[in-house]
Amino acid sequence: MCFRPADANMSVTCPSCGKEINAVLGIVPKECPFCGATSEDFEGSSDIKPPSAPAAPGAPKAPGAPQPPAAPGRS
């Protein structure tokens, strides 16, 4: 099964042609593949950051002390 994080959908809008340009691995192309505008003209290109790795899980807790056996006939 493939898992895609929610923040993986990153794109910028080209001001020249108005089309959305998707960032690949958090990197926006240097020019628009549709009209050739340079990346300095893209809106929001400085806001894009590559997705970060998930946090590491916490350490497991120590097991509790064993309980003494119950007396026969008692629950």
Protein backbone atom coordinates (compact mmCIF):
# COMPACT_ATOMS: atom_id res chain seq x y z
CA MET A 1 0.00 0.00 0.00
CA CYS A 2 1.27 3.48 -0.84
CA PHE A 3 1.05 6.29 1.70
CA ARG A 4 1.26 9.91 0.63
CA PRO A 5 1.37 12.55 3.35
CA ALA A 6 -1.13 15.40 3.18
CA ASP A 7 1.58 18.05 2.80
CA ALA A 8 3.03 16.35 -0.29
CA ASN A 9 0.68 18.28 -2.59
CA MET A 10 2.75 21.44 -3.12
CA SER A 11 2.36 23.71 -6.11
CA VAL A 12 2.86 27.31 -7.22
CA THR A 13 0.96 29.36 -9.75
CA CYS A 14 2.76 30.86 -12.73
CA PRO A 15 1.88 34.56 -13.04
CA SER A 16 2.44 34.53 -16.81
CA CYS A 17 0.19 31.65 -17.89
CA GLY A 18 -1.78 31.00 -14.67
CA LYS A 19 -1.11 27.24 -14.63
CA GLU A 20 -0.14 25.33 -11.49
CA ILE A 21 3.42 24.01 -11.34
CA ASN A 22 3.97 21.07 -8.97
CA ALA A 23 7.06 20.93 -6.78
CA VAL A 24 9.03 17.69 -7.10
CA LEU A 25 10.56 16.51 -3.80
CA GLY A 26 9.93 20.00 -2.41
CA ILE A 27 11.82 21.75 -5.22
CA VAL A 28 10.10 24.12 -7.64
CA PRO A 29 11.48 24.07 -11.21
CA LYS A 30 13.58 27.09 -12.22
CA GLU A 31 11.24 27.92 -15.09
CA CYS A 32 7.62 27.23 -16.03
CA PRO A 33 7.37 24.16 -18.28
CA PHE A 34 4.36 25.72 -20.06
CA CYS A 35 5.49 29.28 -20.87
CA GLY A 36 9.17 29.52 -19.78
CA ALA A 37 8.78 32.19 -17.06
CA THR A 38 11.61 32.20 -14.49
CA SER A 39 11.15 31.01 -10.90
CA GLU A 40 11.61 34.54 -9.50
CA ASP A 41 8.16 35.39 -10.90
CA PHE A 42 6.32 32.45 -9.26
CA GLU A 43 3.86 33.27 -6.51
CA GLY A 44 4.51 31.39 -3.26
CA SER A 45 7.66 29.62 -4.42
CA SER A 46 9.54 30.78 -1.30
CA ASP A 47 6.83 29.30 0.97
CA ILE A 48 7.40 25.71 -0.19
CA LYS A 49 9.47 23.47 2.03
CA PRO A 50 10.16 19.77 1.46
CA PRO A 51 8.01 17.42 3.53
CA SER A 52 9.64 16.37 6.78
CA ALA A 53 10.01 12.86 8.13
CA PRO A 54 7.56 11.71 10.80
CA ALA A 55 8.67 11.85 14.42
CA ALA A 56 10.24 8.78 15.99
CA PRO A 57 7.99 6.77 18.33
CA GLY A 58 8.59 7.04 22.05
CA ALA A 59 10.45 4.44 24.07
CA PRO A 60 8.38 1.55 25.46
CA LYS A 61 7.44 1.62 29.15
CA ALA A 62 8.99 -0.80 31.61
CA PRO A 63 6.76 -3.73 32.54
CA GLY A 64 5.13 -3.66 35.96
CA ALA A 65 6.09 -5.93 38.84
CA PRO A 66 4.49 -9.37 38.79
CA GLN A 67 1.43 -9.88 41.02
CA PRO A 68 1.46 -12.56 43.71
CA PRO A 69 -0.71 -15.56 42.95
CA ALA A 70 -4.26 -15.45 44.27
CA ALA A 71 -5.33 -17.78 47.05
CA PRO A 72 -7.21 -20.90 45.90
CA GLY A 73 -10.95 -20.34 45.69
CA ARG A 74 -10.67 -16.52 45.63
CA SER A 75 -10.96 -14.43 42.50
